[in-house]
Structure formats: C-alpha cells, structure tokens
Amino acid sequence: MGSSKLSEVIGATKGVLFDFDGPICDVFAGRPAPGVARELSEVVARHDATLGGKARGVDDPMEILRLSTQGGELVIRAVEESMTKAEVSAVKVAGPPIPGAVAALEAAHSSGRRVAVVSNNSTACVRAFLMLHGLRHLVHEVIGRAAYWPDLMKPDPYSLLLAAARLHIRPDHCTLIGDSVTDVEAARAAGSASIGFANKQHKGLALAEVGADVVVTDMTTVANALMPNSS
C-alpha cells in the first residue's frame, strides 16, 4: 500500500479525523501509563476490593476504565474522574507533538477539509494539549470519550459518527488516522476510511490485517498527502 493508495484515500476525504494518542501526542511519555494504572487500580479498590484485585494486574489505564464497568456507576464515575485528571496532568509533561503531526493538522486545515480529533482520551485532555501547543485553531471539533460510558470508546464507532455529524460530513467521506487496531475497527464500523499510523515496528502488519486502507510510518507522509493540490 503505497503513495498512490494514500493519495486515493485523501482525495476522497472531506473530513479528517485524527486519533490523539499516537498521531498527535504521546500522552503518557512524561507520566508513564503503568503508574497511572496503579493509581486507578487503587481508586477501584476503594469501592470494590475484588475488582480492585483484578485492576492491580493491569498496566494500561484505558483497560482499567473498561474494567470499571463491572463495578457499577460509582466505580465508573470515580475512575473516569481520576483518569481525566491524570490525562490532563500527563499531557502537560508529554513533550512536543509527534513529528509531522503539526504539519498534518495544518495541511488538513489549509486544504479546506474539516478537521476533528476523535479520541479515547478525555476531551479535557485533548483540549489542554492543543491549547498548550497553539493548535486549537486547526481543529474544528474535539470528540473525546463519552464520560461515564467506557463501552462507547473505540472500537465502537460512536465517536466517529458524532464527529461526522458535528462536521456536517457523511461518515463515508471521512478518514480516521489512528495507530491502533481499535481505530481501524471503529472506522470500518462507521463506514469511514482509515490510515493506519504504524509508529512502532510491529504495528504495520496488524493495522493492515484489520483492514486499514493504507499504512504509513511517518506523520509527515500524511502531511504531504494532505497538502493543497497534492491529492
């Protein structure tokens, strides 16, 4: 899947949907995810000792958020609120945007396309990072996870469909740029195209196998394809 396929996908795209953690920001670069997961497991344990025991074996904060659904509304709310605070804190020390991300956002915006960030991270977290790095003006909509509804995170297509509706663009005219299998699965479920961002060596094959329309290894490649008159 080379540059001709990328140009084909971009050429049919009216709405560009960027995943956040991966294509734009390495959210837990400055505050490692396993430490955040340990904090969240303690939050779970305060409400449900048995579920807290399960959570202590998990080092991915997002998976603890998913696990919280087993504990009922009080656990879900407590974990969500703690997670959001941790994410906002994390992006403040995450460092600069991913190489090529700013150029990709600028190119998408200047090409006249509508731009959204569609993330399993909280809206507050995404907005904090965009504001910190002066990028908010490049993004028309920020769709973070639905608070207190972990089951609506990608691979569920909910956030993509909401982004498309708010951008006033049909889902099949949108393309999601994401670095995970769940991003591609969500795009397929929404009827959107997907560009898999293989930011780690092992990801390329997995993204292709799950149905990414094209796979890239550098966000600068995406930026170049999005430049006005390049597609």
C-alpha atoms as a PDB file:
ATOM      1  CA  MET A   1       0.000   0.000   0.000  1.00  0.00           C
ATOM      2  CA  GLY A   2       1.957   2.975  -1.255  1.00  0.00           C
ATOM      3  CA  SER A   3       1.659   6.646  -2.041  1.00  0.00           C
ATOM      4  CA  SER A   4      -0.890   6.124  -4.837  1.00  0.00           C
ATOM      5  CA  LYS A   5      -3.310   4.468  -2.418  1.00  0.00           C
ATOM      6  CA  LEU A   6      -2.720   7.216   0.140  1.00  0.00           C
ATOM      7  CA  SER A   7      -3.458   9.856  -2.486  1.00  0.00           C
ATOM      8  CA  GLU A   8      -6.621   7.984  -3.454  1.00  0.00           C
ATOM      9  CA  VAL A   9      -7.842   7.879   0.146  1.00  0.00           C
ATOM     10  CA  ILE A  10      -7.014  11.536   0.786  1.00  0.00           C
ATOM     11  CA  GLY A  11      -8.594  12.587  -2.499  1.00  0.00           C
ATOM     12  CA  ALA A  12     -11.932  11.145  -1.390  1.00  0.00           C
ATOM     13  CA  THR A  13     -11.720  12.695   2.085  1.00  0.00           C
ATOM     14  CA  LYS A  14     -13.724  15.737   3.175  1.00  0.00           C
ATOM     15  CA  GLY A  15     -13.366  15.227   6.915  1.00  0.00           C
ATOM     16  CA  VAL A  16     -10.033  14.299   8.504  1.00  0.00           C
ATOM     17  CA  LEU A  17     -10.352  12.598  11.885  1.00  0.00           C
ATOM     18  CA  PHE A  18      -7.165  12.385  13.916  1.00  0.00           C
ATOM     19  CA  ASP A  19      -6.787   9.956  16.769  1.00  0.00           C
ATOM     20  CA  PHE A  20      -4.951  11.754  19.572  1.00  0.00           C
ATOM     21  CA  ASP A  21      -2.646   9.399  21.489  1.00  0.00           C
ATOM     22  CA  GLY A  22      -0.210   8.299  18.789  1.00  0.00           C
ATOM     23  CA  PRO A  23      -0.740  10.504  15.738  1.00  0.00           C
ATOM     24  CA  ILE A  24      -0.660  13.823  17.674  1.00  0.00           C
ATOM     25  CA  CYS A  25       0.654  13.236  21.197  1.00  0.00           C
ATOM     26  CA  ASP A  26       2.433  10.564  23.195  1.00  0.00           C
ATOM     27  CA  VAL A  27       0.098  11.103  26.135  1.00  0.00           C
ATOM     28  CA  PHE A  28       1.987   9.202  28.815  1.00  0.00           C
ATOM     29  CA  ALA A  29       5.526   9.998  27.656  1.00  0.00           C
ATOM     30  CA  GLY A  30       6.224  12.109  30.727  1.00  0.00           C
ATOM     31  CA  ARG A  31       3.953  10.318  33.167  1.00  0.00           C
ATOM     32  CA  PRO A  32       4.183   6.596  32.340  1.00  0.00           C
ATOM     33  CA  ALA A  33       0.948   4.700  31.851  1.00  0.00           C
ATOM     34  CA  PRO A  34       1.723   1.859  34.307  1.00  0.00           C
ATOM     35  CA  GLY A  35       1.981   4.367  37.159  1.00  0.00           C
ATOM     36  CA  VAL A  36      -1.340   5.938  36.216  1.00  0.00           C
ATOM     37  CA  ALA A  37      -2.856   2.458  36.008  1.00  0.00           C
ATOM     38  CA  ARG A  38      -1.667   1.687  39.546  1.00  0.00           C
ATOM     39  CA  GLU A  39      -3.311   4.873  40.806  1.00  0.00           C
ATOM     40  CA  LEU A  40      -6.569   3.954  39.069  1.00  0.00           C
ATOM     41  CA  SER A  41      -6.461   0.423  40.475  1.00  0.00           C
ATOM     42  CA  GLU A  42      -6.382   1.911  43.961  1.00  0.00           C
ATOM     43  CA  VAL A  43      -9.427   4.028  43.098  1.00  0.00           C
ATOM     44  CA  VAL A  44     -11.234   0.859  42.022  1.00  0.00           C
ATOM     45  CA  ALA A  45     -10.147  -0.985  45.160  1.00  0.00           C
ATOM     46  CA  ARG A  46     -11.580   1.716  47.424  1.00  0.00           C
ATOM     47  CA  HIS A  47     -15.022   0.992  46.005  1.00  0.00           C
ATOM     48  CA  ASP A  48     -14.758  -2.708  45.168  1.00  0.00           C
ATOM     49  CA  ALA A  49     -11.967  -4.793  46.721  1.00  0.00           C
ATOM     50  CA  THR A  50     -12.467  -7.787  44.428  1.00  0.00           C
ATOM     51  CA  LEU A  51     -12.469  -5.706  41.262  1.00  0.00           C
ATOM     52  CA  GLY A  52      -9.517  -3.759  42.618  1.00  0.00           C
ATOM     53  CA  GLY A  53      -7.602  -7.032  42.768  1.00  0.00           C
ATOM     54  CA  LYS A  54      -8.240  -7.576  39.071  1.00  0.00           C
ATOM     55  CA  ALA A  55      -7.262  -3.995  38.261  1.00  0.00           C
ATOM     56  CA  ARG A  56      -3.889  -4.309  40.015  1.00  0.00           C
ATOM     57  CA  GLY A  57      -2.719  -6.701  37.320  1.00  0.00           C
ATOM     58  CA  VAL A  58      -3.409  -4.207  34.515  1.00  0.00           C
ATOM     59  CA  ASP A  59      -0.842  -1.641  33.344  1.00  0.00           C
ATOM     60  CA  ASP A  60      -2.993   0.154  30.736  1.00  0.00           C
ATOM     61  CA  PRO A  61      -5.192   2.928  32.182  1.00  0.00           C
ATOM     62  CA  MET A  62      -7.718   2.526  29.353  1.00  0.00           C
ATOM     63  CA  GLU A  63      -8.200  -1.127  30.217  1.00  0.00           C
ATOM     64  CA  ILE A  64      -8.917  -0.212  33.831  1.00  0.00           C
ATOM     65  CA  LEU A  65     -11.501   2.256  32.566  1.00  0.00           C
ATOM     66  CA  ARG A  66     -13.111  -0.565  30.595  1.00  0.00           C
ATOM     67  CA  LEU A  67     -12.883  -2.842  33.637  1.00  0.00           C
ATOM     68  CA  SER A  68     -14.663  -0.252  35.768  1.00  0.00           C
ATOM     69  CA  THR A  69     -17.962  -1.078  34.057  1.00  0.00           C
ATOM     70  CA  GLN A  70     -18.024  -4.273  36.143  1.00  0.00           C
ATOM     71  CA  GLY A  71     -18.225  -2.213  39.336  1.00  0.00           C
ATOM     72  CA  GLY A  72     -21.299  -0.157  38.601  1.00  0.00           C
ATOM     73  CA  GLU A  73     -21.905   3.577  38.393  1.00  0.00           C
ATOM     74  CA  LEU A  74     -19.921   4.653  41.450  1.00  0.00           C
ATOM     75  CA  VAL A  75     -16.773   2.894  40.251  1.00  0.00           C
ATOM     76  CA  ILE A  76     -17.186   4.139  36.694  1.00  0.00           C
ATOM     77  CA  ARG A  77     -17.553   7.733  37.871  1.00  0.00           C
ATOM     78  CA  ALA A  78     -14.626   7.557  40.282  1.00  0.00           C
ATOM     79  CA  VAL A  79     -12.294   6.030  37.700  1.00  0.00           C
ATOM     80  CA  GLU A  80     -13.390   8.413  34.946  1.00  0.00           C
ATOM     81  CA  GLU A  81     -12.793  11.467  37.101  1.00  0.00           C
ATOM     82  CA  SER A  82      -9.393  10.225  38.282  1.00  0.00           C
ATOM     83  CA  MET A  83      -8.423   9.229  34.755  1.00  0.00           C
ATOM     84  CA  THR A  84      -9.316  12.642  33.332  1.00  0.00           C
ATOM     85  CA  LYS A  85      -7.225  14.421  35.974  1.00  0.00           C
ATOM     86  CA  ALA A  86      -4.302  12.083  35.266  1.00  0.00           C
ATOM     87  CA  GLU A  87      -4.542  12.631  31.497  1.00  0.00           C
ATOM     88  CA  VAL A  88      -4.641  16.408  31.792  1.00  0.00           C
ATOM     89  CA  SER A  89      -1.629  16.266  34.095  1.00  0.00           C
ATOM     90  CA  ALA A  90       0.147  13.863  31.729  1.00  0.00           C
ATOM     91  CA  VAL A  91      -0.212  15.926  28.549  1.00  0.00           C
ATOM     92  CA  LYS A  92       1.332  18.930  30.278  1.00  0.00           C
ATOM     93  CA  VAL A  93       4.585  16.971  30.607  1.00  0.00           C
ATOM     94  CA  ALA A  94       4.242  14.827  27.471  1.00  0.00           C
ATOM     95  CA  GLY A  95       6.607  16.952  25.408  1.00  0.00           C
ATOM     96  CA  PRO A  96       6.033  18.318  21.905  1.00  0.00           C
ATOM     97  CA  PRO A  97       3.602  16.936  19.341  1.00  0.00           C
ATOM     98  CA  ILE A  98       4.555  13.832  17.388  1.00  0.00           C
ATOM     99  CA  PRO A  99       6.904  14.714  14.482  1.00  0.00           C
ATOM    100  CA  GLY A 100       4.809  15.601  11.447  1.00  0.00           C
ATOM    101  CA  ALA A 101       1.591  15.996  13.444  1.00  0.00           C
ATOM    102  CA  VAL A 102       1.512  19.793  13.357  1.00  0.00           C
ATOM    103  CA  ALA A 103       2.248  19.782   9.628  1.00  0.00           C
ATOM    104  CA  ALA A 104      -0.550  17.246   9.085  1.00  0.00           C
ATOM    105  CA  LEU A 105      -3.054  19.339  11.062  1.00  0.00           C
ATOM    106  CA  GLU A 106      -2.003  22.476   9.203  1.00  0.00           C
ATOM    107  CA  ALA A 107      -2.233  20.753   5.826  1.00  0.00           C
ATOM    108  CA  ALA A 108      -5.650  19.288   6.553  1.00  0.00           C
ATOM    109  CA  HIS A 109      -6.933  22.677   7.682  1.00  0.00           C
ATOM    110  CA  SER A 110      -5.417  24.694   4.834  1.00  0.00           C
ATOM    111  CA  SER A 111      -6.736  22.232   2.246  1.00  0.00           C
ATOM    112  CA  GLY A 112     -10.262  23.286   3.186  1.00  0.00           C
ATOM    113  CA  ARG A 113     -11.144  19.967   4.785  1.00  0.00           C
ATOM    114  CA  ARG A 114     -12.964  19.764   8.106  1.00  0.00           C
ATOM    115  CA  VAL A 115     -10.791  18.502  10.950  1.00  0.00           C
ATOM    116  CA  ALA A 116     -11.654  16.700  14.179  1.00  0.00           C
ATOM    117  CA  VAL A 117      -9.719  14.928  16.886  1.00  0.00           C
ATOM    118  CA  VAL A 118     -11.514  11.709  17.800  1.00  0.00           C
ATOM    119  CA  SER A 119     -10.036  10.109  20.887  1.00  0.00           C
ATOM    120  CA  ASN A 120     -10.495   7.561  23.640  1.00  0.00           C
ATOM    121  CA  ASN A 121      -8.800  10.148  25.826  1.00  0.00           C
ATOM    122  CA  SER A 122     -10.925  12.765  27.553  1.00  0.00           C
ATOM    123  CA  THR A 123     -11.980  15.924  25.764  1.00  0.00           C
ATOM    124  CA  ALA A 124     -10.325  17.953  28.540  1.00  0.00           C
ATOM    125  CA  CYS A 125      -7.028  16.176  27.950  1.00  0.00           C
ATOM    126  CA  VAL A 126      -7.069  16.780  24.186  1.00  0.00           C
ATOM    127  CA  ARG A 127      -8.054  20.414  24.529  1.00  0.00           C
ATOM    128  CA  ALA A 128      -5.361  21.027  27.146  1.00  0.00           C
ATOM    129  CA  PHE A 129      -2.660  19.733  24.800  1.00  0.00           C
ATOM    130  CA  LEU A 130      -3.953  21.626  21.761  1.00  0.00           C
ATOM    131  CA  MET A 131      -4.098  24.865  23.750  1.00  0.00           C
ATOM    132  CA  LEU A 132      -0.653  24.310  25.260  1.00  0.00           C
ATOM    133  CA  HIS A 133       0.904  23.976  21.799  1.00  0.00           C
ATOM    134  CA  GLY A 134      -1.193  26.595  19.978  1.00  0.00           C
ATOM    135  CA  LEU A 135      -3.028  24.090  17.797  1.00  0.00           C
ATOM    136  CA  ARG A 136      -6.672  24.609  18.787  1.00  0.00           C
ATOM    137  CA  HIS A 137      -7.401  26.847  15.768  1.00  0.00           C
ATOM    138  CA  LEU A 138      -6.551  23.974  13.412  1.00  0.00           C
ATOM    139  CA  VAL A 139      -9.255  21.683  14.787  1.00  0.00           C
ATOM    140  CA  HIS A 140     -12.964  22.227  14.195  1.00  0.00           C
ATOM    141  CA  GLU A 141     -14.204  19.599  16.665  1.00  0.00           C
ATOM    142  CA  VAL A 142     -12.758  17.661  19.602  1.00  0.00           C
ATOM    143  CA  ILE A 143     -14.586  14.425  20.378  1.00  0.00           C
ATOM    144  CA  GLY A 144     -13.163  12.762  23.466  1.00  0.00           C
ATOM    145  CA  ARG A 145     -14.555   9.647  25.070  1.00  0.00           C
ATOM    146  CA  ALA A 146     -18.136   9.792  26.282  1.00  0.00           C
ATOM    147  CA  ALA A 147     -17.786  10.437  30.018  1.00  0.00           C
ATOM    148  CA  TYR A 148     -19.007   7.531  32.162  1.00  0.00           C
ATOM    149  CA  TRP A 149     -19.621   5.353  29.088  1.00  0.00           C
ATOM    150  CA  PRO A 150     -16.394   3.362  28.564  1.00  0.00           C
ATOM    151  CA  ASP A 151     -18.205   0.926  26.270  1.00  0.00           C
ATOM    152  CA  LEU A 152     -18.558   3.729  23.696  1.00  0.00           C
ATOM    153  CA  MET A 153     -14.802   4.082  23.278  1.00  0.00           C
ATOM    154  CA  LYS A 154     -13.285   2.877  20.006  1.00  0.00           C
ATOM    155  CA  PRO A 155     -13.638   0.243  18.545  1.00  0.00           C
ATOM    156  CA  ASP A 156     -17.245   1.374  18.947  1.00  0.00           C
ATOM    157  CA  PRO A 157     -17.934   3.842  16.099  1.00  0.00           C
ATOM    158  CA  TYR A 158     -19.845   6.280  18.350  1.00  0.00           C
ATOM    159  CA  SER A 159     -17.158   8.982  18.480  1.00  0.00           C
ATOM    160  CA  LEU A 160     -16.550   8.850  14.724  1.00  0.00           C
ATOM    161  CA  LEU A 161     -20.228   9.118  13.918  1.00  0.00           C
ATOM    162  CA  LEU A 162     -20.577  12.033  16.334  1.00  0.00           C
ATOM    163  CA  ALA A 163     -17.583  13.774  14.758  1.00  0.00           C
ATOM    164  CA  ALA A 164     -19.005  13.325  11.269  1.00  0.00           C
ATOM    165  CA  ALA A 165     -22.360  14.714  12.382  1.00  0.00           C
ATOM    166  CA  ARG A 166     -20.772  17.756  14.004  1.00  0.00           C
ATOM    167  CA  LEU A 167     -18.594  18.365  10.949  1.00  0.00           C
ATOM    168  CA  HIS A 168     -21.708  18.002   8.742  1.00  0.00           C
ATOM    169  CA  ILE A 169     -19.930  15.404   6.612  1.00  0.00           C
ATOM    170  CA  ARG A 170     -21.091  11.894   5.798  1.00  0.00           C
ATOM    171  CA  PRO A 171     -19.064   9.212   7.615  1.00  0.00           C
ATOM    172  CA  ASP A 172     -18.064   7.650   4.298  1.00  0.00           C
ATOM    173  CA  HIS A 173     -16.432  10.943   3.322  1.00  0.00           C
ATOM    174  CA  CYS A 174     -14.296  10.905   6.492  1.00  0.00           C
ATOM    175  CA  THR A 175     -10.927   9.287   7.107  1.00  0.00           C
ATOM    176  CA  LEU A 176      -9.544   8.387  10.527  1.00  0.00           C
ATOM    177  CA  ILE A 177      -5.795   8.490  11.121  1.00  0.00           C
ATOM    178  CA  GLY A 178      -5.001   6.159  14.006  1.00  0.00           C
ATOM    179  CA  ASP A 179      -2.247   3.971  15.382  1.00  0.00           C
ATOM    180  CA  SER A 180      -4.254   1.120  16.859  1.00  0.00           C
ATOM    181  CA  VAL A 181      -6.327  -1.820  15.696  1.00  0.00           C
ATOM    182  CA  THR A 182      -9.327  -0.382  17.530  1.00  0.00           C
ATOM    183  CA  ASP A 183      -9.055   2.823  15.474  1.00  0.00           C
ATOM    184  CA  VAL A 184      -9.285   0.861  12.239  1.00  0.00           C
ATOM    185  CA  GLU A 185     -12.127  -1.273  13.578  1.00  0.00           C
ATOM    186  CA  ALA A 186     -14.060   1.848  14.577  1.00  0.00           C
ATOM    187  CA  ALA A 187     -13.535   3.401  11.152  1.00  0.00           C
ATOM    188  CA  ARG A 188     -14.763   0.268   9.420  1.00  0.00           C
ATOM    189  CA  ALA A 189     -17.831   0.130  11.672  1.00  0.00           C
ATOM    190  CA  ALA A 190     -18.585   3.788  10.919  1.00  0.00           C
ATOM    191  CA  GLY A 191     -18.177   3.302   7.175  1.00  0.00           C
ATOM    192  CA  SER A 192     -15.143   5.611   7.105  1.00  0.00           C
ATOM    193  CA  ALA A 193     -11.731   5.123   5.546  1.00  0.00           C
ATOM    194  CA  SER A 194      -8.665   4.692   7.735  1.00  0.00           C
ATOM    195  CA  ILE A 195      -4.979   5.496   7.562  1.00  0.00           C
ATOM    196  CA  GLY A 196      -3.005   3.290   9.927  1.00  0.00           C
ATOM    197  CA  PHE A 197      -0.084   5.047  11.583  1.00  0.00           C
ATOM    198  CA  ALA A 198       2.494   2.355  12.388  1.00  0.00           C
ATOM    199  CA  ASN A 199       4.552   4.317  14.902  1.00  0.00           C
ATOM    200  CA  LYS A 200       6.086   1.086  16.160  1.00  0.00           C
ATOM    201  CA  GLN A 201       7.590  -1.634  14.008  1.00  0.00           C
ATOM    202  CA  HIS A 202       5.144  -4.368  14.994  1.00  0.00           C
ATOM    203  CA  LYS A 203       2.035  -2.327  14.211  1.00  0.00           C
ATOM    204  CA  GLY A 204       2.189  -2.230  10.432  1.00  0.00           C
ATOM    205  CA  LEU A 205       1.065  -5.792   9.789  1.00  0.00           C
ATOM    206  CA  ALA A 206      -1.649  -5.674  12.464  1.00  0.00           C
ATOM    207  CA  LEU A 207      -3.107  -2.452  11.054  1.00  0.00           C
ATOM    208  CA  ALA A 208      -3.093  -3.855   7.533  1.00  0.00           C
ATOM    209  CA  GLU A 209      -4.625  -7.164   8.589  1.00  0.00           C
ATOM    210  CA  VAL A 210      -7.534  -5.495  10.376  1.00  0.00           C
ATOM    211  CA  GLY A 211      -8.351  -3.515   7.223  1.00  0.00           C
ATOM    212  CA  ALA A 212      -6.586  -0.146   7.228  1.00  0.00           C
ATOM    213  CA  ASP A 213      -6.926   1.356   3.752  1.00  0.00           C
ATOM    214  CA  VAL A 214      -3.288   2.394   3.834  1.00  0.00           C
ATOM    215  CA  VAL A 215      -0.485   2.202   6.406  1.00  0.00           C
ATOM    216  CA  VAL A 216       2.170   4.891   6.941  1.00  0.00           C
ATOM    217  CA  THR A 217       5.127   5.052   9.314  1.00  0.00           C
ATOM    218  CA  ASP A 218       5.545   8.824   9.493  1.00  0.00           C
ATOM    219  CA  MET A 219       3.007  11.605  10.046  1.00  0.00           C
ATOM    220  CA  THR A 220       4.984  13.765   7.613  1.00  0.00           C
ATOM    221  CA  THR A 221       3.809  11.384   4.877  1.00  0.00           C
ATOM    222  CA  VAL A 222       0.240  12.186   5.859  1.00  0.00           C
ATOM    223  CA  ALA A 223       1.022  15.912   5.922  1.00  0.00           C
ATOM    224  CA  ASN A 224       2.452  15.794   2.406  1.00  0.00           C
ATOM    225  CA  ALA A 225      -0.587  13.917   1.087  1.00  0.00           C
ATOM    226  CA  LEU A 226      -2.958  16.434   2.700  1.00  0.00           C
ATOM    227  CA  MET A 227      -1.216  19.491   1.288  1.00  0.00           C
ATOM    228  CA  PRO A 228      -3.498  21.506  -1.018  1.00  0.00           C
ATOM    229  CA  ASN A 229      -3.220  20.347  -4.639  1.00  0.00           C
ATOM    230  CA  SER A 230      -1.222  17.271  -3.656  1.00  0.00           C
ATOM    231  CA  SER A 231      -4.082  14.780  -3.981  1.00  0.00           C
END
